Amino acid sequence: MARITYSIVPHDGGWAYKAADAYSEPFPSREMAMAAAKAAAAEQQVGGDDEEISFQDEKGNWHFEHADGGDRPEATVEDG
C-alpha cells in the first residue's frame, strides 16, 4: 500500500503542511496547519467508485485498465 506523509513546516512567514515537494497554503499558526493537514489526510483515504480507464501511450497504443476506487494510500501527519 502506498503511504503519504504530511509534515508541518515553516513556510512563507507562517506554517504549512508539506507532502513530498508540495506545500499547502500558509497558515498563521502551527495548530491551524496541523488541523488542515489532518483534514487533508482524512480526505486522502476516502475511497471512490471503481472505474474503467483508458489511455493512449507515446506509441499511439491504447490501454484499458480497471481502477479500484478503494485502493487508497495510508496518510499520516507528522509535526516536524
Protein backbone atom coordinates (compact mmCIF):
# COMPACT_ATOMS: atom_id res chain seq x y z
CA MET A 1 0.00 0.00 0.00
CA ALA A 2 1.23 3.48 -0.80
CA ARG A 3 1.86 5.89 2.03
CA ILE A 4 1.65 9.69 2.12
CA THR A 5 3.12 11.69 4.98
CA TYR A 6 2.11 15.29 5.62
CA SER A 7 4.72 17.23 7.61
CA ILE A 8 4.13 20.53 9.40
CA VAL A 9 6.83 23.04 8.40
CA PRO A 10 7.52 26.80 8.46
CA HIS A 11 6.55 28.30 5.09
CA ASP A 12 6.07 31.82 3.67
CA GLY A 13 6.08 33.54 7.05
CA GLY A 14 3.64 31.08 8.58
CA TRP A 15 3.12 27.33 8.80
CA ALA A 16 2.13 24.82 6.13
CA TYR A 17 1.81 21.11 5.62
CA LYS A 18 4.08 19.50 3.06
CA ALA A 19 3.71 16.25 1.13
CA ALA A 20 6.77 15.27 -0.93
CA ASP A 21 7.79 18.59 -2.54
CA ALA A 22 4.34 20.22 -2.47
CA TYR A 23 3.32 22.80 0.16
CA SER A 24 -0.13 23.82 1.27
CA GLU A 25 -1.09 27.45 1.58
CA PRO A 26 0.48 29.12 4.63
CA PHE A 27 -1.45 29.24 7.90
CA PRO A 28 -0.89 31.79 10.68
CA SER A 29 -0.25 29.14 13.34
CA ARG A 30 1.24 25.69 13.63
CA GLU A 31 -2.04 24.45 15.14
CA MET A 32 -4.05 25.63 12.13
CA ALA A 33 -1.61 23.92 9.75
CA MET A 34 -1.87 20.72 11.80
CA ALA A 35 -5.67 20.78 11.69
CA ALA A 36 -5.62 21.36 7.91
CA ALA A 37 -3.11 18.52 7.43
CA LYS A 38 -5.26 16.13 9.46
CA ALA A 39 -8.30 17.06 7.34
CA ALA A 40 -6.32 16.54 4.11
CA ALA A 41 -5.00 13.17 5.34
CA ALA A 42 -8.52 12.02 6.22
CA GLU A 43 -9.85 13.03 2.79
CA GLN A 44 -6.93 11.31 1.06
CA GLN A 45 -8.05 7.98 2.48
CA VAL A 46 -11.68 8.19 1.32
CA GLY A 47 -12.33 5.66 -1.41
CA GLY A 48 -14.33 6.28 -4.51
CA ASP A 49 -16.07 4.23 -7.16
CA ASP A 50 -14.31 1.64 -9.27
CA GLU A 51 -13.69 2.98 -12.78
CA GLU A 52 -12.65 1.65 -16.14
CA ILE A 53 -9.93 3.91 -17.54
CA SER A 54 -8.31 4.11 -20.94
CA PHE A 55 -5.24 5.98 -22.12
CA GLN A 56 -3.04 6.22 -25.17
CA ASP A 57 0.72 5.74 -24.74
CA GLU A 58 3.51 7.60 -26.55
CA LYS A 59 3.46 4.99 -29.35
CA GLY A 60 -0.23 5.50 -30.02
CA ASN A 61 -1.35 2.24 -28.42
CA TRP A 62 -4.50 2.27 -26.33
CA HIS A 63 -4.57 0.64 -22.89
CA PHE A 64 -7.61 -0.25 -20.83
CA GLU A 65 -7.43 -0.80 -17.08
CA HIS A 66 -9.67 -1.26 -14.11
CA ALA A 67 -9.04 1.25 -11.28
CA ASP A 68 -10.12 0.09 -7.83
CA GLY A 69 -11.81 3.02 -6.09
CA GLY A 70 -10.96 1.55 -2.70
CA ASP A 71 -7.22 1.47 -3.41
CA ARG A 72 -6.25 4.49 -1.31
CA PRO A 73 -2.92 5.32 0.31
CA GLU A 74 -2.32 5.38 4.04
CA ALA A 75 -1.96 9.03 5.07
CA THR A 76 -0.24 10.24 8.25
CA VAL A 77 0.64 13.61 9.76
CA GLU A 78 3.98 14.38 11.42
CA ASP A 79 4.67 17.52 13.42
CA GLY A 80 8.14 18.44 12.35
